Amino acid sequence: MASSIQLEMQRQLKEQKKLDRQKEQEAWAKAEAEALAGKKASDERIAKKMKIIESGGVVPNPKPKKEEAPKKAKVVEEVKAKEPKKEATKKKVAKKKVAKKKGRPAKKK
């Protein structure tokens, strides 16, 4: 026979699982709706391009957004130039380990 505490914990666990399943279904439905919206937008773009191609036109290529990257690089270079130079620190050199002698160990006296 189960105690009232165990029955209460089982009931809470069932309720929690029910809520988790419900949240999971909502998240799945939301992800599916986003995927469908993305597919619809993609299909519309493709249809528009196909219409241009069928009429004998040339589909223009979108301009790349690489113009912003060089501007940021120049700003970084200016900031680096303003920093004072630090003195060079010596690198730590690892010492070579002496090879262990192989063979039988010496007798203890």
N, C-alpha and C. Protein backbone atom coordinates (compact mmCIF):
# COMPACT_ATOMS: atom_id res chain seq x y z
N MET A 1 0.84 -1.17 0.00
CA MET A 1 0.00 0.00 0.00
C MET A 1 0.88 1.24 0.00
N ALA A 2 0.62 2.15 -0.88
CA ALA A 2 1.39 3.37 -1.00
C ALA A 2 0.93 4.40 0.02
N SER A 3 1.91 5.17 0.51
CA SER A 3 1.57 6.19 1.48
C SER A 3 0.99 7.41 0.76
N SER A 4 0.39 8.29 1.53
CA SER A 4 -0.22 9.48 0.94
C SER A 4 0.84 10.40 0.32
N ILE A 5 2.05 10.39 0.89
CA ILE A 5 3.12 11.22 0.36
C ILE A 5 3.52 10.72 -1.03
N GLN A 6 3.65 9.40 -1.17
CA GLN A 6 4.02 8.82 -2.45
C GLN A 6 2.93 9.08 -3.50
N LEU A 7 1.69 8.94 -3.11
CA LEU A 7 0.59 9.20 -4.04
C LEU A 7 0.57 10.66 -4.49
N GLU A 8 0.85 11.55 -3.55
CA GLU A 8 0.89 12.98 -3.87
C GLU A 8 2.03 13.27 -4.83
N MET A 9 3.20 12.67 -4.62
CA MET A 9 4.35 12.88 -5.50
C MET A 9 4.06 12.33 -6.90
N GLN A 10 3.39 11.19 -6.98
CA GLN A 10 3.04 10.61 -8.27
C GLN A 10 2.07 11.53 -9.02
N ARG A 11 1.11 12.09 -8.30
CA ARG A 11 0.15 12.99 -8.90
C ARG A 11 0.84 14.24 -9.44
N GLN A 12 1.77 14.79 -8.64
CA GLN A 12 2.51 15.97 -9.08
C GLN A 12 3.38 15.66 -10.30
N LEU A 13 3.97 14.47 -10.31
CA LEU A 13 4.80 14.07 -11.44
C LEU A 13 3.97 13.95 -12.71
N LYS A 14 2.77 13.37 -12.58
CA LYS A 14 1.89 13.26 -13.75
C LYS A 14 1.49 14.63 -14.27
N GLU A 15 1.18 15.55 -13.37
CA GLU A 15 0.81 16.90 -13.78
C GLU A 15 1.98 17.59 -14.47
N GLN A 16 3.19 17.41 -13.91
CA GLN A 16 4.37 18.03 -14.50
C GLN A 16 4.64 17.48 -15.89
N LYS A 17 4.51 16.17 -16.06
CA LYS A 17 4.73 15.55 -17.36
C LYS A 17 3.70 16.05 -18.38
N LYS A 18 2.46 16.22 -17.92
CA LYS A 18 1.40 16.72 -18.80
C LYS A 18 1.74 18.13 -19.27
N LEU A 19 2.22 18.98 -18.36
CA LEU A 19 2.60 20.34 -18.72
C LEU A 19 3.81 20.35 -19.66
N ASP A 20 4.77 19.46 -19.39
CA ASP A 20 5.96 19.38 -20.26
C ASP A 20 5.57 18.96 -21.66
N ARG A 21 4.70 17.97 -21.79
CA ARG A 21 4.24 17.52 -23.11
C ARG A 21 3.52 18.65 -23.84
N GLN A 22 2.72 19.40 -23.11
CA GLN A 22 1.97 20.50 -23.71
C GLN A 22 2.94 21.58 -24.23
N LYS A 23 3.97 21.92 -23.43
CA LYS A 23 4.96 22.91 -23.85
C LYS A 23 5.72 22.41 -25.07
N GLU A 24 6.04 21.13 -25.07
CA GLU A 24 6.77 20.54 -26.19
C GLU A 24 5.96 20.61 -27.47
N GLN A 25 4.66 20.34 -27.37
CA GLN A 25 3.78 20.40 -28.54
C GLN A 25 3.68 21.83 -29.05
N GLU A 26 3.60 22.80 -28.14
CA GLU A 26 3.51 24.20 -28.55
C GLU A 26 4.80 24.63 -29.24
N ALA A 27 5.94 24.21 -28.70
CA ALA A 27 7.23 24.57 -29.30
C ALA A 27 7.36 23.93 -30.69
N TRP A 28 6.92 22.70 -30.82
CA TRP A 28 6.98 22.01 -32.11
C TRP A 28 6.09 22.71 -33.13
N ALA A 29 4.88 23.08 -32.70
CA ALA A 29 3.95 23.77 -33.60
C ALA A 29 4.52 25.12 -34.04
N LYS A 30 5.15 25.83 -33.12
CA LYS A 30 5.75 27.12 -33.44
C LYS A 30 6.90 26.95 -34.43
N ALA A 31 7.75 25.95 -34.21
CA ALA A 31 8.87 25.69 -35.12
C ALA A 31 8.37 25.32 -36.50
N GLU A 32 7.31 24.52 -36.54
CA GLU A 32 6.73 24.10 -37.82
C GLU A 32 6.15 25.31 -38.57
N ALA A 33 5.48 26.20 -37.83
CA ALA A 33 4.90 27.39 -38.45
C ALA A 33 6.01 28.29 -39.02
N GLU A 34 7.11 28.44 -38.28
CA GLU A 34 8.22 29.25 -38.77
C GLU A 34 8.84 28.64 -40.02
N ALA A 35 8.96 27.31 -40.02
CA ALA A 35 9.53 26.62 -41.19
C ALA A 35 8.63 26.81 -42.41
N LEU A 36 7.32 26.71 -42.20
CA LEU A 36 6.39 26.91 -43.31
C LEU A 36 6.44 28.35 -43.84
N ALA A 37 6.56 29.30 -42.92
CA ALA A 37 6.64 30.70 -43.33
C ALA A 37 7.92 30.94 -44.14
N GLY A 38 9.01 30.35 -43.71
CA GLY A 38 10.27 30.48 -44.43
C GLY A 38 10.19 29.85 -45.80
N LYS A 39 9.56 28.68 -45.89
CA LYS A 39 9.41 27.98 -47.17
C LYS A 39 8.53 28.80 -48.11
N LYS A 40 7.47 29.40 -47.56
CA LYS A 40 6.57 30.20 -48.39
C LYS A 40 7.31 31.41 -48.96
N ALA A 41 8.11 32.07 -48.13
CA ALA A 41 8.87 33.22 -48.60
C ALA A 41 9.88 32.80 -49.66
N SER A 42 10.51 31.67 -49.44
CA SER A 42 11.47 31.15 -50.42
C SER A 42 10.79 30.82 -51.74
N ASP A 43 9.64 30.17 -51.67
CA ASP A 43 8.89 29.83 -52.88
C ASP A 43 8.47 31.08 -53.65
N GLU A 44 8.10 32.13 -52.92
CA GLU A 44 7.72 33.39 -53.57
C GLU A 44 8.90 34.01 -54.31
N ARG A 45 10.09 34.00 -53.68
CA ARG A 45 11.29 34.54 -54.32
C ARG A 45 11.63 33.74 -55.57
N ILE A 46 11.54 32.41 -55.46
CA ILE A 46 11.85 31.56 -56.60
C ILE A 46 10.85 31.80 -57.74
N ALA A 47 9.55 31.93 -57.41
CA ALA A 47 8.54 32.18 -58.42
C ALA A 47 8.79 33.51 -59.13
N LYS A 48 9.20 34.52 -58.36
CA LYS A 48 9.48 35.83 -58.95
C LYS A 48 10.66 35.74 -59.91
N LYS A 49 11.72 35.01 -59.52
CA LYS A 49 12.88 34.85 -60.38
C LYS A 49 12.54 34.04 -61.63
N MET A 50 11.74 32.98 -61.46
CA MET A 50 11.35 32.16 -62.61
C MET A 50 10.54 32.99 -63.61
N LYS A 51 9.69 33.88 -63.10
CA LYS A 51 8.89 34.74 -63.97
C LYS A 51 9.80 35.65 -64.79
N ILE A 52 10.85 36.20 -64.15
CA ILE A 52 11.80 37.06 -64.86
C ILE A 52 12.55 36.26 -65.92
N ILE A 53 12.98 35.05 -65.56
CA ILE A 53 13.73 34.21 -66.50
C ILE A 53 12.86 33.81 -67.70
N GLU A 54 11.60 33.44 -67.44
CA GLU A 54 10.70 33.03 -68.51
C GLU A 54 10.40 34.17 -69.47
N SER A 55 10.38 35.39 -68.97
CA SER A 55 10.10 36.53 -69.84
C SER A 55 11.35 36.95 -70.62
N GLY A 56 12.48 36.29 -70.37
CA GLY A 56 13.70 36.57 -71.12
C GLY A 56 14.62 37.55 -70.43
N GLY A 57 14.34 37.94 -69.23
CA GLY A 57 15.19 38.89 -68.52
C GLY A 57 16.32 38.20 -67.78
N VAL A 58 17.17 39.00 -67.17
CA VAL A 58 18.28 38.50 -66.37
C VAL A 58 18.01 38.83 -64.92
N VAL A 59 18.18 37.84 -64.05
CA VAL A 59 17.94 38.04 -62.63
C VAL A 59 19.13 38.76 -62.03
N PRO A 60 18.92 39.92 -61.41
CA PRO A 60 20.04 40.65 -60.82
C PRO A 60 20.53 39.94 -59.55
N ASN A 61 21.85 39.94 -59.37
CA ASN A 61 22.43 39.35 -58.16
C ASN A 61 22.38 40.38 -57.05
N PRO A 62 22.06 39.95 -55.83
CA PRO A 62 22.06 40.90 -54.72
C PRO A 62 23.49 41.36 -54.42
N LYS A 63 23.63 42.61 -53.99
CA LYS A 63 24.96 43.14 -53.69
C LYS A 63 25.44 42.58 -52.36
N PRO A 64 26.71 42.16 -52.30
CA PRO A 64 27.24 41.65 -51.03
C PRO A 64 27.41 42.78 -50.02
N LYS A 65 27.32 42.43 -48.77
CA LYS A 65 27.43 43.43 -47.71
C LYS A 65 28.83 43.43 -47.10
N LYS A 66 29.85 43.33 -47.95
CA LYS A 66 31.22 43.27 -47.47
C LYS A 66 31.83 44.65 -47.28
N GLU A 67 31.14 45.69 -47.65
CA GLU A 67 31.67 47.04 -47.55
C GLU A 67 31.84 47.48 -46.11
N GLU A 68 31.06 46.96 -45.20
CA GLU A 68 31.11 47.37 -43.80
C GLU A 68 32.33 46.78 -43.10
N ALA A 69 32.78 45.62 -43.49
CA ALA A 69 33.89 44.94 -42.82
C ALA A 69 35.19 45.74 -42.86
N PRO A 70 35.62 46.31 -44.01
CA PRO A 70 36.87 47.08 -44.02
C PRO A 70 36.82 48.30 -43.12
N LYS A 71 35.67 48.94 -43.00
CA LYS A 71 35.55 50.12 -42.15
C LYS A 71 35.85 49.75 -40.70
N LYS A 72 35.35 48.62 -40.26
CA LYS A 72 35.59 48.18 -38.90
C LYS A 72 37.06 47.85 -38.69
N ALA A 73 37.70 47.28 -39.69
CA ALA A 73 39.11 46.91 -39.58
C ALA A 73 39.99 48.15 -39.41
N LYS A 74 39.65 49.24 -40.10
CA LYS A 74 40.44 50.47 -39.98
C LYS A 74 40.34 51.04 -38.57
N VAL A 75 39.19 50.98 -37.99
CA VAL A 75 39.00 51.48 -36.63
C VAL A 75 39.84 50.68 -35.66
N VAL A 76 39.88 49.37 -35.84
CA VAL A 76 40.66 48.50 -34.96
C VAL A 76 42.14 48.81 -35.09
N GLU A 77 42.61 49.07 -36.31
CA GLU A 77 44.02 49.39 -36.53
C GLU A 77 44.40 50.70 -35.84
N GLU A 78 43.51 51.69 -35.87
CA GLU A 78 43.79 52.96 -35.22
C GLU A 78 43.88 52.79 -33.72
N VAL A 79 43.04 51.98 -33.15
CA VAL A 79 43.07 51.74 -31.71
C VAL A 79 44.35 51.02 -31.33
N LYS A 80 44.78 50.06 -32.13
CA LYS A 80 46.02 49.34 -31.85
C LYS A 80 47.22 50.27 -31.92
N ALA A 81 47.21 51.21 -32.84
CA ALA A 81 48.33 52.12 -33.00
C ALA A 81 48.48 53.04 -31.79
N LYS A 82 47.43 53.37 -31.11
CA LYS A 82 47.46 54.27 -29.98
C LYS A 82 47.97 53.61 -28.70
N GLU A 83 47.89 52.29 -28.62
CA GLU A 83 48.32 51.59 -27.41
C GLU A 83 49.84 51.65 -27.28
N PRO A 84 50.37 51.88 -26.04
CA PRO A 84 51.82 51.89 -25.86
C PRO A 84 52.39 50.48 -26.00
N LYS A 85 53.62 50.41 -26.51
CA LYS A 85 54.23 49.10 -26.71
C LYS A 85 54.70 48.55 -25.37
N LYS A 86 54.52 47.28 -25.17
CA LYS A 86 54.96 46.62 -23.95
C LYS A 86 56.33 46.01 -24.21
N GLU A 87 57.12 45.92 -23.15
CA GLU A 87 58.44 45.33 -23.30
C GLU A 87 58.29 43.84 -23.58
N ALA A 88 59.16 43.34 -24.39
CA ALA A 88 59.10 41.93 -24.75
C ALA A 88 59.52 41.10 -23.54
N THR A 89 58.77 40.10 -23.23
CA THR A 89 59.10 39.22 -22.11
C THR A 89 59.84 38.01 -22.65
N LYS A 90 60.75 37.49 -21.83
CA LYS A 90 61.52 36.34 -22.27
C LYS A 90 60.64 35.09 -22.19
N LYS A 91 60.81 34.25 -23.18
CA LYS A 91 60.07 33.00 -23.19
C LYS A 91 60.74 32.02 -22.26
N LYS A 92 59.95 31.22 -21.59
CA LYS A 92 60.50 30.20 -20.72
C LYS A 92 60.94 29.02 -21.58
N VAL A 93 62.16 28.60 -21.36
CA VAL A 93 62.69 27.49 -22.13
C VAL A 93 62.58 26.23 -21.28
N ALA A 94 62.01 25.20 -21.86
CA ALA A 94 61.86 23.95 -21.11
C ALA A 94 63.20 23.25 -21.04
N LYS A 95 63.53 22.75 -19.85
CA LYS A 95 64.78 22.02 -19.68
C LYS A 95 64.61 20.61 -20.18
N LYS A 96 65.68 20.08 -20.76
CA LYS A 96 65.63 18.71 -21.25
C LYS A 96 65.70 17.76 -20.08
N LYS A 97 64.88 16.74 -20.13
CA LYS A 97 64.89 15.73 -19.08
C LYS A 97 65.98 14.72 -19.37
N VAL A 98 66.65 14.29 -18.32
CA VAL A 98 67.69 13.29 -18.46
C VAL A 98 67.03 11.93 -18.60
N ALA A 99 67.50 11.15 -19.55
CA ALA A 99 66.92 9.83 -19.78
C ALA A 99 67.24 8.93 -18.60
N LYS A 100 66.26 8.13 -18.20
CA LYS A 100 66.46 7.19 -17.09
C LYS A 100 67.27 6.00 -17.58
N LYS A 101 68.05 5.47 -16.68
CA LYS A 101 68.82 4.29 -17.03
C LYS A 101 67.90 3.09 -17.08
N LYS A 102 68.11 2.26 -18.08
CA LYS A 102 67.30 1.06 -18.21
C LYS A 102 68.08 -0.12 -17.67
N GLY A 103 67.37 -1.15 -17.31
CA GLY A 103 68.02 -2.35 -16.82
C GLY A 103 67.57 -2.70 -15.42
N ARG A 104 68.27 -3.60 -14.80
CA ARG A 104 67.89 -4.04 -13.45
C ARG A 104 68.26 -2.97 -12.44
N PRO A 105 67.42 -2.80 -11.46
CA PRO A 105 67.77 -1.83 -10.40
C PRO A 105 68.94 -2.33 -9.56
N ALA A 106 69.67 -1.40 -8.99
CA ALA A 106 70.81 -1.74 -8.15
C ALA A 106 70.34 -2.39 -6.87
N LYS A 107 71.19 -3.26 -6.32
CA LYS A 107 70.85 -3.95 -5.07
C LYS A 107 70.92 -2.97 -3.92
N LYS A 108 69.98 -3.12 -3.01
CA LYS A 108 69.98 -2.27 -1.83
C LYS A 108 70.87 -2.90 -0.77
N LYS A 109 71.64 -2.08 -0.08
CA LYS A 109 72.56 -2.60 0.95
C LYS A 109 71.95 -2.53 2.31
